[in-house]
PDB file of N, CA and C in Angstrom:
ATOM      1  N   MET A   1      90.637 109.899 128.349  1.00  0.00           N
ATOM      2  CA  MET A   1      89.815 108.687 128.469  1.00  0.00           C
ATOM      3  C   MET A   1      89.024 108.184 128.938  1.00  0.00           C
ATOM      4  N   ALA A   2      88.269 107.783 127.645  1.00  0.00           N
ATOM      5  CA  ALA A   2      87.088 107.172 128.300  1.00  0.00           C
ATOM      6  C   ALA A   2      86.621 105.840 128.390  1.00  0.00           C
ATOM      7  N   LEU A   3      87.069 105.497 129.834  1.00  0.00           N
ATOM      8  CA  LEU A   3      86.771 104.089 130.509  1.00  0.00           C
ATOM      9  C   LEU A   3      86.010 103.930 131.637  1.00  0.00           C
ATOM     10  N   ARG A   4      84.644 103.190 131.416  1.00  0.00           N
ATOM     11  CA  ARG A   4      83.991 102.973 132.595  1.00  0.00           C
ATOM     12  C   ARG A   4      84.032 101.535 133.132  1.00  0.00           C
ATOM     13  N   PRO A   5      84.544 101.555 134.502  1.00  0.00           N
ATOM     14  CA  PRO A   5      84.367 100.182 134.832  1.00  0.00           C
ATOM     15  C   PRO A   5      82.565  99.176 134.954  1.00  0.00           C
ATOM     16  N   LEU A   6      83.174  98.218 134.969  1.00  0.00           N
ATOM     17  CA  LEU A   6      81.396  97.534 134.864  1.00  0.00           C
ATOM     18  C   LEU A   6      80.885  96.646 136.651  1.00  0.00           C
ATOM     19  N   ASN A   7      79.875  97.012 136.781  1.00  0.00           N
ATOM     20  CA  ASN A   7      79.179  96.608 137.791  1.00  0.00           C
ATOM     21  C   ASN A   7      79.893  97.463 139.183  1.00  0.00           C
ATOM     22  N   ASP A   8      80.279  96.445 140.122  1.00  0.00           N
ATOM     23  CA  ASP A   8      80.764  97.071 141.308  1.00  0.00           C
ATOM     24  C   ASP A   8      82.214  97.636 141.655  1.00  0.00           C
ATOM     25  N   ARG A   9      82.732  97.724 140.232  1.00  0.00           N
ATOM     26  CA  ARG A   9      84.155  97.704 140.320  1.00  0.00           C
ATOM     27  C   ARG A   9      84.472  99.170 140.261  1.00  0.00           C
ATOM     28  N   VAL A  10      85.930  99.954 140.510  1.00  0.00           N
ATOM     29  CA  VAL A  10      85.947 100.976 140.732  1.00  0.00           C
ATOM     30  C   VAL A  10      87.461 101.443 139.648  1.00  0.00           C
ATOM     31  N   LEU A  11      88.107 102.335 139.262  1.00  0.00           N
ATOM     32  CA  LEU A  11      89.119 102.851 138.726  1.00  0.00           C
ATOM     33  C   LEU A  11      89.716 103.501 139.519  1.00  0.00           C
ATOM     34  N   ILE A  12      90.949 103.182 140.029  1.00  0.00           N
ATOM     35  CA  ILE A  12      91.909 104.013 140.726  1.00  0.00           C
ATOM     36  C   ILE A  12      93.213 104.663 139.943  1.00  0.00           C
ATOM     37  N   ARG A  13      93.615 105.520 140.840  1.00  0.00           N
ATOM     38  CA  ARG A  13      94.906 105.919 140.503  1.00  0.00           C
ATOM     39  C   ARG A  13      95.455 106.144 142.055  1.00  0.00           C
ATOM     40  N   ARG A  14      96.937 105.163 142.000  1.00  0.00           N
ATOM     41  CA  ARG A  14      97.777 105.731 143.234  1.00  0.00           C
ATOM     42  C   ARG A  14      97.966 106.741 143.405  1.00  0.00           C
ATOM     43  N   VAL A  15      98.104 107.282 145.146  1.00  0.00           N
ATOM     44  CA  VAL A  15      98.464 108.429 145.401  1.00  0.00           C
ATOM     45  C   VAL A  15      99.504 108.262 146.058  1.00  0.00           C
ATOM     46  N   ASP A  16     100.579 108.810 145.868  1.00  0.00           N
ATOM     47  CA  ASP A  16     101.708 108.584 146.716  1.00  0.00           C
ATOM     48  C   ASP A  16     101.786 109.822 148.129  1.00  0.00           C
ATOM     49  N   GLU A  17     102.720 108.490 149.090  1.00  0.00           N
ATOM     50  CA  GLU A  17     102.209 109.365 150.364  1.00  0.00           C
ATOM     51  C   GLU A  17     103.776 110.281 150.914  1.00  0.00           C
ATOM     52  N   GLY A  18     104.414 110.526 149.606  1.00  0.00           N
ATOM     53  CA  GLY A  18     105.909 111.386 149.907  1.00  0.00           C
ATOM     54  C   GLY A  18     106.694 110.206 150.203  1.00  0.00           C
ATOM     55  N   GLU A  19     107.512 110.379 150.072  1.00  0.00           N
ATOM     56  CA  GLU A  19     109.147 110.220 150.076  1.00  0.00           C
ATOM     57  C   GLU A  19     109.838 110.839 151.904  1.00  0.00           C
ATOM     58  N   ALA A  20     109.913 109.107 152.348  1.00  0.00           N
ATOM     59  CA  ALA A  20     110.456 109.568 153.712  1.00  0.00           C
ATOM     60  C   ALA A  20     112.007 109.033 153.749  1.00  0.00           C
ATOM     61  N   GLN A  21     112.656 109.975 153.977  1.00  0.00           N
ATOM     62  CA  GLN A  21     114.396 109.450 154.360  1.00  0.00           C
ATOM     63  C   GLN A  21     114.625 109.292 155.965  1.00  0.00           C
ATOM     64  N   VAL A  22     114.964 108.284 156.466  1.00  0.00           N
ATOM     65  CA  VAL A  22     115.343 107.961 157.758  1.00  0.00           C
ATOM     66  C   VAL A  22     116.677 107.922 157.546  1.00  0.00           C
ATOM     67  N   GLY A  23     117.419 108.767 158.711  1.00  0.00           N
ATOM     68  CA  GLY A  23     118.936 108.668 158.910  1.00  0.00           C
ATOM     69  C   GLY A  23     119.756 108.713 157.674  1.00  0.00           C
ATOM     70  N   GLY A  24     119.264 109.316 156.182  1.00  0.00           N
ATOM     71  CA  GLY A  24     120.048 109.798 155.169  1.00  0.00           C
ATOM     72  C   GLY A  24     120.149 108.597 154.379  1.00  0.00           C
ATOM     73  N   ILE A  25     119.267 107.444 154.231  1.00  0.00           N
ATOM     74  CA  ILE A  25     119.150 106.225 153.724  1.00  0.00           C
ATOM     75  C   ILE A  25     118.337 106.623 152.576  1.00  0.00           C
ATOM     76  N   ILE A  26     118.854 106.281 151.199  1.00  0.00           N
ATOM     77  CA  ILE A  26     117.684 106.764 150.115  1.00  0.00           C
ATOM     78  C   ILE A  26     117.509 105.204 149.794  1.00  0.00           C
ATOM     79  N   ILE A  27     116.272 104.877 149.684  1.00  0.00           N
ATOM     80  CA  ILE A  27     115.534 103.592 149.307  1.00  0.00           C
ATOM     81  C   ILE A  27     115.348 103.339 147.699  1.00  0.00           C
ATOM     82  N   PRO A  28     116.106 102.469 146.616  1.00  0.00           N
ATOM     83  CA  PRO A  28     115.373 102.923 145.813  1.00  0.00           C
ATOM     84  C   PRO A  28     113.940 102.088 145.080  1.00  0.00           C
ATOM     85  N   ASP A  29     114.016 102.643 143.976  1.00  0.00           N
ATOM     86  CA  ASP A  29     112.329 102.463 143.460  1.00  0.00           C
ATOM     87  C   ASP A  29     111.924 101.622 143.476  1.00  0.00           C
ATOM     88  N   THR A  30     113.085 100.094 143.232  1.00  0.00           N
ATOM     89  CA  THR A  30     112.540  98.638 143.028  1.00  0.00           C
ATOM     90  C   THR A  30     111.994  98.249 144.395  1.00  0.00           C
ATOM     91  N   ALA A  31     112.722  99.087 145.423  1.00  0.00           N
ATOM     92  CA  ALA A  31     112.558  98.233 146.909  1.00  0.00           C
ATOM     93  C   ALA A  31     111.268  99.122 147.757  1.00  0.00           C
ATOM     94  N   LYS A  32     110.934  99.991 147.212  1.00  0.00           N
ATOM     95  CA  LYS A  32     109.847 100.788 147.793  1.00  0.00           C
ATOM     96  C   LYS A  32     108.486 100.009 147.572  1.00  0.00           C
ATOM     97  N   GLU A  33     107.715  99.958 148.742  1.00  0.00           N
ATOM     98  CA  GLU A  33     106.076  99.429 148.438  1.00  0.00           C
ATOM     99  C   GLU A  33     105.134 100.417 148.183  1.00  0.00           C
ATOM    100  N   LYS A  34     104.226  99.810 146.737  1.00  0.00           N
ATOM    101  CA  LYS A  34     103.121 100.836 146.404  1.00  0.00           C
ATOM    102  C   LYS A  34     102.660 101.245 147.437  1.00  0.00           C
ATOM    103  N   PRO A  35     101.867 102.520 147.257  1.00  0.00           N
ATOM    104  CA  PRO A  35     101.180 103.133 147.951  1.00  0.00           C
ATOM    105  C   PRO A  35      99.645 102.372 147.917  1.00  0.00           C
ATOM    106  N   GLN A  36      99.100 102.323 149.458  1.00  0.00           N
ATOM    107  CA  GLN A  36      97.802 101.732 149.452  1.00  0.00           C
ATOM    108  C   GLN A  36      96.550 102.803 149.501  1.00  0.00           C
ATOM    109  N   ARG A  37      96.899 104.148 148.750  1.00  0.00           N
ATOM    110  CA  ARG A  37      95.930 104.927 148.996  1.00  0.00           C
ATOM    111  C   ARG A  37      95.810 105.694 147.266  1.00  0.00           C
ATOM    112  N   GLY A  38      94.794 105.781 147.454  1.00  0.00           N
ATOM    113  CA  GLY A  38      94.282 106.136 145.684  1.00  0.00           C
ATOM    114  C   GLY A  38      92.926 107.051 145.708  1.00  0.00           C
ATOM    115  N   GLU A  39      92.887 107.598 144.623  1.00  0.00           N
ATOM    116  CA  GLU A  39      91.924 108.470 143.986  1.00  0.00           C
ATOM    117  C   GLU A  39      91.002 107.882 143.098  1.00  0.00           C
ATOM    118  N   ILE A  40      89.992 107.950 143.388  1.00  0.00           N
ATOM    119  CA  ILE A  40      88.628 106.797 142.159  1.00  0.00           C
ATOM    120  C   ILE A  40      88.929 107.675 141.028  1.00  0.00           C
ATOM    121  N   ILE A  41      88.844 107.255 140.150  1.00  0.00           N
ATOM    122  CA  ILE A  41      88.580 107.655 138.590  1.00  0.00           C
ATOM    123  C   ILE A  41      87.415 107.944 138.604  1.00  0.00           C
ATOM    124  N   ALA A  42      86.967 106.630 138.179  1.00  0.00           N
ATOM    125  CA  ALA A  42      85.600 105.961 137.528  1.00  0.00           C
ATOM    126  C   ALA A  42      85.090 104.912 138.336  1.00  0.00           C
ATOM    127  N   THR A  43      83.342 104.845 137.714  1.00  0.00           N
ATOM    128  CA  THR A  43      82.727 104.072 139.299  1.00  0.00           C
ATOM    129  C   THR A  43      82.112 103.545 137.929  1.00  0.00           C
ATOM    130  N   GLY A  44      81.633 102.010 138.377  1.00  0.00           N
ATOM    131  CA  GLY A  44      80.715 101.318 137.523  1.00  0.00           C
ATOM    132  C   GLY A  44      79.322 102.099 138.216  1.00  0.00           C
ATOM    133  N   ASN A  45      77.966 101.067 138.122  1.00  0.00           N
ATOM    134  CA  ASN A  45      77.237 101.143 138.132  1.00  0.00           C
ATOM    135  C   ASN A  45      76.087 101.141 139.072  1.00  0.00           C
ATOM    136  N   GLY A  46      76.904  99.844 139.814  1.00  0.00           N
ATOM    137  CA  GLY A  46      76.720  98.951 140.661  1.00  0.00           C
ATOM    138  C   GLY A  46      76.479  97.791 140.968  1.00  0.00           C
ATOM    139  N   LYS A  47      76.457  96.615 142.122  1.00  0.00           N
ATOM    140  CA  LYS A  47      76.290  95.426 141.718  1.00  0.00           C
ATOM    141  C   LYS A  47      74.871  95.114 141.105  1.00  0.00           C
ATOM    142  N   LEU A  48      74.903  93.916 140.356  1.00  0.00           N
ATOM    143  CA  LEU A  48      73.490  93.578 140.270  1.00  0.00           C
ATOM    144  C   LEU A  48      73.015  92.601 140.948  1.00  0.00           C
ATOM    145  N   LEU A  49      71.541  92.951 141.225  1.00  0.00           N
ATOM    146  CA  LEU A  49      71.125  91.635 142.410  1.00  0.00           C
ATOM    147  C   LEU A  49      70.445  90.850 141.744  1.00  0.00           C
ATOM    148  N   GLN A  50      70.074  89.896 142.965  1.00  0.00           N
ATOM    149  CA  GLN A  50      69.398  88.769 142.419  1.00  0.00           C
ATOM    150  C   GLN A  50      68.013  89.499 141.511  1.00  0.00           C
ATOM    151  N   ASN A  51      67.437  89.778 142.313  1.00  0.00           N
ATOM    152  CA  ASN A  51      66.044  90.098 141.776  1.00  0.00           C
ATOM    153  C   ASN A  51      66.367  91.038 140.701  1.00  0.00           C
ATOM    154  N   GLY A  52      67.020  91.294 140.407  1.00  0.00           N
ATOM    155  CA  GLY A  52      67.317  92.360 139.066  1.00  0.00           C
ATOM    156  C   GLY A  52      67.817  93.864 138.960  1.00  0.00           C
ATOM    157  N   GLN A  53      67.469  94.495 140.338  1.00  0.00           N
ATOM    158  CA  GLN A  53      67.565  95.471 140.765  1.00  0.00           C
ATOM    159  C   GLN A  53      69.449  95.742 140.976  1.00  0.00           C
ATOM    160  N   ARG A  54      69.665  97.158 140.754  1.00  0.00           N
ATOM    161  CA  ARG A  54      70.909  97.657 140.940  1.00  0.00           C
ATOM    162  C   ARG A  54      70.951  98.093 142.316  1.00  0.00           C
ATOM    163  N   CYS A  55      72.449  97.722 143.210  1.00  0.00           N
ATOM    164  CA  CYS A  55      72.637  98.473 144.599  1.00  0.00           C
ATOM    165  C   CYS A  55      73.840  99.387 144.142  1.00  0.00           C
ATOM    166  N   GLY A  56      73.183 100.722 144.605  1.00  0.00           N
ATOM    167  CA  GLY A  56      74.585 101.663 144.000  1.00  0.00           C
ATOM    168  C   GLY A  56      75.565 101.699 145.101  1.00  0.00           C
ATOM    169  N   LEU A  57      77.053 102.275 144.426  1.00  0.00           N
ATOM    170  CA  LEU A  57      78.072 102.140 145.401  1.00  0.00           C
ATOM    171  C   LEU A  57      77.895 103.362 146.113  1.00  0.00           C
ATOM    172  N   GLU A  58      79.027 102.995 147.576  1.00  0.00           N
ATOM    173  CA  GLU A  58      78.912 104.121 148.562  1.00  0.00           C
ATOM    174  C   GLU A  58      80.280 105.071 148.268  1.00  0.00           C
ATOM    175  N   VAL A  59      80.865 104.717 146.794  1.00  0.00           N
ATOM    176  CA  VAL A  59      81.952 105.929 146.647  1.00  0.00           C
ATOM    177  C   VAL A  59      81.709 106.612 145.670  1.00  0.00           C
ATOM    178  N   LYS A  60      82.648 107.338 145.613  1.00  0.00           N
ATOM    179  CA  LYS A  60      81.933 107.847 143.933  1.00  0.00           C
ATOM    180  C   LYS A  60      83.304 108.884 143.448  1.00  0.00           C
ATOM    181  N   SER A  61      83.146 109.189 142.573  1.00  0.00           N
ATOM    182  CA  SER A  61      84.391 109.966 141.697  1.00  0.00           C
ATOM    183  C   SER A  61      85.339 110.661 142.490  1.00  0.00           C
ATOM    184  N   GLY A  62      86.425 111.090 142.837  1.00  0.00           N
ATOM    185  CA  GLY A  62      87.270 111.902 143.659  1.00  0.00           C
ATOM    186  C   GLY A  62      87.829 111.467 145.117  1.00  0.00           C
ATOM    187  N   ASP A  63      86.580 110.299 145.592  1.00  0.00           N
ATOM    188  CA  ASP A  63      87.080 110.209 146.713  1.00  0.00           C
ATOM    189  C   ASP A  63      88.719 109.722 146.803  1.00  0.00           C
ATOM    190  N   ILE A  64      88.807 109.990 148.178  1.00  0.00           N
ATOM    191  CA  ILE A  64      90.753 109.371 148.380  1.00  0.00           C
ATOM    192  C   ILE A  64      90.296 108.122 149.150  1.00  0.00           C
ATOM    193  N   ILE A  65      90.482 107.025 149.044  1.00  0.00           N
ATOM    194  CA  ILE A  65      90.569 105.693 149.617  1.00  0.00           C
ATOM    195  C   ILE A  65      91.815 104.726 149.846  1.00  0.00           C
ATOM    196  N   LEU A  66      91.444 103.822 151.199  1.00  0.00           N
ATOM    197  CA  LEU A  66      92.740 102.967 151.489  1.00  0.00           C
ATOM    198  C   LEU A  66      92.198 101.622 151.046  1.00  0.00           C
ATOM    199  N   PHE A  67      93.034 100.524 150.106  1.00  0.00           N
ATOM    200  CA  PHE A  67      92.752  99.472 149.675  1.00  0.00           C
ATOM    201  C   PHE A  67      93.613  98.236 150.537  1.00  0.00           C
ATOM    202  N   GLY A  68      93.476  97.414 150.129  1.00  0.00           N
ATOM    203  CA  GLY A  68      94.308  96.052 150.584  1.00  0.00           C
ATOM    204  C   GLY A  68      95.448  96.105 149.852  1.00  0.00           C
ATOM    205  N   LYS A  69      96.820  95.379 150.476  1.00  0.00           N
ATOM    206  CA  LYS A  69      98.006  95.687 149.443  1.00  0.00           C
ATOM    207  C   LYS A  69      97.599  94.807 148.219  1.00  0.00           C
ATOM    208  N   TYR A  70      97.203  93.714 148.617  1.00  0.00           N
ATOM    209  CA  TYR A  70      97.039  92.753 147.183  1.00  0.00           C
ATOM    210  C   TYR A  70      95.868  92.779 146.804  1.00  0.00           C
ATOM    211  N   SER A  71      95.105  94.073 146.682  1.00  0.00           N
ATOM    212  CA  SER A  71      93.847  94.157 145.622  1.00  0.00           C
ATOM    213  C   SER A  71      93.689  94.455 144.452  1.00  0.00           C
ATOM    214  N   GLY A  72      92.803  94.036 143.933  1.00  0.00           N
ATOM    215  CA  GLY A  72      92.668  94.680 142.380  1.00  0.00           C
ATOM    216  C   GLY A  72      93.114  94.466 141.517  1.00  0.00           C
ATOM    217  N   SER A  73      93.161  94.731 140.201  1.00  0.00           N
ATOM    218  CA  SER A  73      94.139  94.305 138.849  1.00  0.00           C
ATOM    219  C   SER A  73      94.812  95.383 138.713  1.00  0.00           C
ATOM    220  N   GLU A  74      95.927  95.283 138.295  1.00  0.00           N
ATOM    221  CA  GLU A  74      96.899  96.978 137.874  1.00  0.00           C
ATOM    222  C   GLU A  74      96.895  96.660 136.269  1.00  0.00           C
ATOM    223  N   VAL A  75      96.338  97.870 135.601  1.00  0.00           N
ATOM    224  CA  VAL A  75      96.364  97.911 134.268  1.00  0.00           C
ATOM    225  C   VAL A  75      97.158  99.412 133.923  1.00  0.00           C
ATOM    226  N   LYS A  76      97.739  99.058 132.625  1.00  0.00           N
ATOM    227  CA  LYS A  76      98.594 100.584 131.963  1.00  0.00           C
ATOM    228  C   LYS A  76      97.746 101.461 130.789  1.00  0.00           C
ATOM    229  N   ILE A  77      96.937 102.072 130.935  1.00  0.00           N
ATOM    230  CA  ILE A  77      96.379 102.962 129.697  1.00  0.00           C
ATOM    231  C   ILE A  77      97.219 104.469 129.818  1.00  0.00           C
ATOM    232  N   ASP A  78      97.108 104.354 128.222  1.00  0.00           N
ATOM    233  CA  ASP A  78      98.087 105.510 127.943  1.00  0.00           C
ATOM    234  C   ASP A  78      99.333 105.885 128.290  1.00  0.00           C
ATOM    235  N   GLY A  79     100.137 104.788 129.018  1.00  0.00           N
ATOM    236  CA  GLY A  79     101.426 105.215 129.743  1.00  0.00           C
ATOM    237  C   GLY A  79     101.400 105.307 131.266  1.00  0.00           C
ATOM    238  N   VAL A  80     100.239 105.520 131.752  1.00  0.00           N
ATOM    239  CA  VAL A  80      99.539 105.825 132.877  1.00  0.00           C
ATOM    240  C   VAL A  80      99.141 104.597 134.096  1.00  0.00           C
ATOM    241  N   GLU A  81      99.420 103.906 134.941  1.00  0.00           N
ATOM    242  CA  GLU A  81      98.895 102.932 135.953  1.00  0.00           C
ATOM    243  C   GLU A  81      98.034 103.089 136.463  1.00  0.00           C
ATOM    244  N   TYR A  82      96.914 102.574 136.478  1.00  0.00           N
ATOM    245  CA  TYR A  82      95.651 102.325 137.288  1.00  0.00           C
ATOM    246  C   TYR A  82      95.531 101.243 137.732  1.00  0.00           C
ATOM    247  N   LEU A  83      94.712 100.996 138.428  1.00  0.00           N
ATOM    248  CA  LEU A  83      94.365  99.371 139.292  1.00  0.00           C
ATOM    249  C   LEU A  83      91.901  99.696 139.398  1.00  0.00           C
ATOM    250  N   ILE A  84      92.102  97.842 138.798  1.00  0.00           N
ATOM    251  CA  ILE A  84      90.671  98.448 139.446  1.00  0.00           C
ATOM    252  C   ILE A  84      90.287  97.449 140.272  1.00  0.00           C
ATOM    253  N   LEU A  85      89.333  97.721 141.061  1.00  0.00           N
ATOM    254  CA  LEU A  85      88.883  96.826 142.347  1.00  0.00           C
ATOM    255  C   LEU A  85      87.739  96.849 142.308  1.00  0.00           C
ATOM    256  N   ARG A  86      87.343  95.842 143.101  1.00  0.00           N
ATOM    257  CA  ARG A  86      85.874  95.733 143.255  1.00  0.00           C
ATOM    258  C   ARG A  86      85.768  96.825 144.981  1.00  0.00           C
ATOM    259  N   GLU A  87      84.311  97.264 144.720  1.00  0.00           N
ATOM    260  CA  GLU A  87      83.948  98.299 146.009  1.00  0.00           C
ATOM    261  C   GLU A  87      84.408  97.633 147.332  1.00  0.00           C
ATOM    262  N   ASP A  88      83.674  96.246 147.235  1.00  0.00           N
ATOM    263  CA  ASP A  88      84.133  95.677 148.650  1.00  0.00           C
ATOM    264  C   ASP A  88      85.807  94.994 149.179  1.00  0.00           C
ATOM    265  N   GLU A  89      86.663  95.719 147.937  1.00  0.00           N
ATOM    266  CA  GLU A  89      87.911  95.779 148.381  1.00  0.00           C
ATOM    267  C   GLU A  89      88.378  96.690 149.116  1.00  0.00           C
ATOM    268  N   ILE A  90      87.540  97.797 148.780  1.00  0.00           N
ATOM    269  CA  ILE A  90      87.972  98.858 149.346  1.00  0.00           C
ATOM    270  C   ILE A  90      87.713  98.869 151.068  1.00  0.00           C
ATOM    271  N   LEU A  91      89.028  99.513 151.980  1.00  0.00           N
ATOM    272  CA  LEU A  91      89.085  99.501 153.289  1.00  0.00           C
ATOM    273  C   LEU A  91      88.347 100.459 153.750  1.00  0.00           C
ATOM    274  N   ALA A  92      88.478 101.745 153.201  1.00  0.00           N
ATOM    275  CA  ALA A  92      87.742 103.133 154.006  1.00  0.00           C
ATOM    276  C   ALA A  92      88.244 104.361 152.979  1.00  0.00           C
ATOM    277  N   VAL A  93      87.280 105.250 153.119  1.00  0.00           N
ATOM    278  CA  VAL A  93      87.345 106.508 152.778  1.00  0.00           C
ATOM    279  C   VAL A  93      87.713 107.682 153.374  1.00  0.00           C
ATOM    280  N   LEU A  94      88.863 108.079 152.512  1.00  0.00           N
ATOM    281  CA  LEU A  94      89.254 109.290 153.941  1.00  0.00           C
ATOM    282  C   LEU A  94      88.802 110.337 153.571  1.00  0.00           C
ATOM    283  N   GLY A  95      88.759 111.029 154.689  1.00  0.00           N
ATOM    284  CA  GLY A  95      88.086 112.647 154.818  1.00  0.00           C
ATOM    285  C   GLY A  95      86.498 112.617 154.106  1.00  0.00           C
TER     286      GLY A  95
END
């Protein structure tokens, strides 16, 4: 896949946090919440400032991040779901 996000956007793949079963109850996939953790696959060049310079991103490919529940735009590429979001929508970098 040759996809590079523009400006201060990042392309992430959601990371499953594992299956939790409490009391033997199995929750169907349609009722489960999507994970709010992901791995950065690709990054843009950074935000373009008013003076014409670029401000580099603080995150890089391979970082594991936390993001808001309703952040970004979902896209499907080659049958795999990804999320494109702005760097300021990232809440934290893990590790």
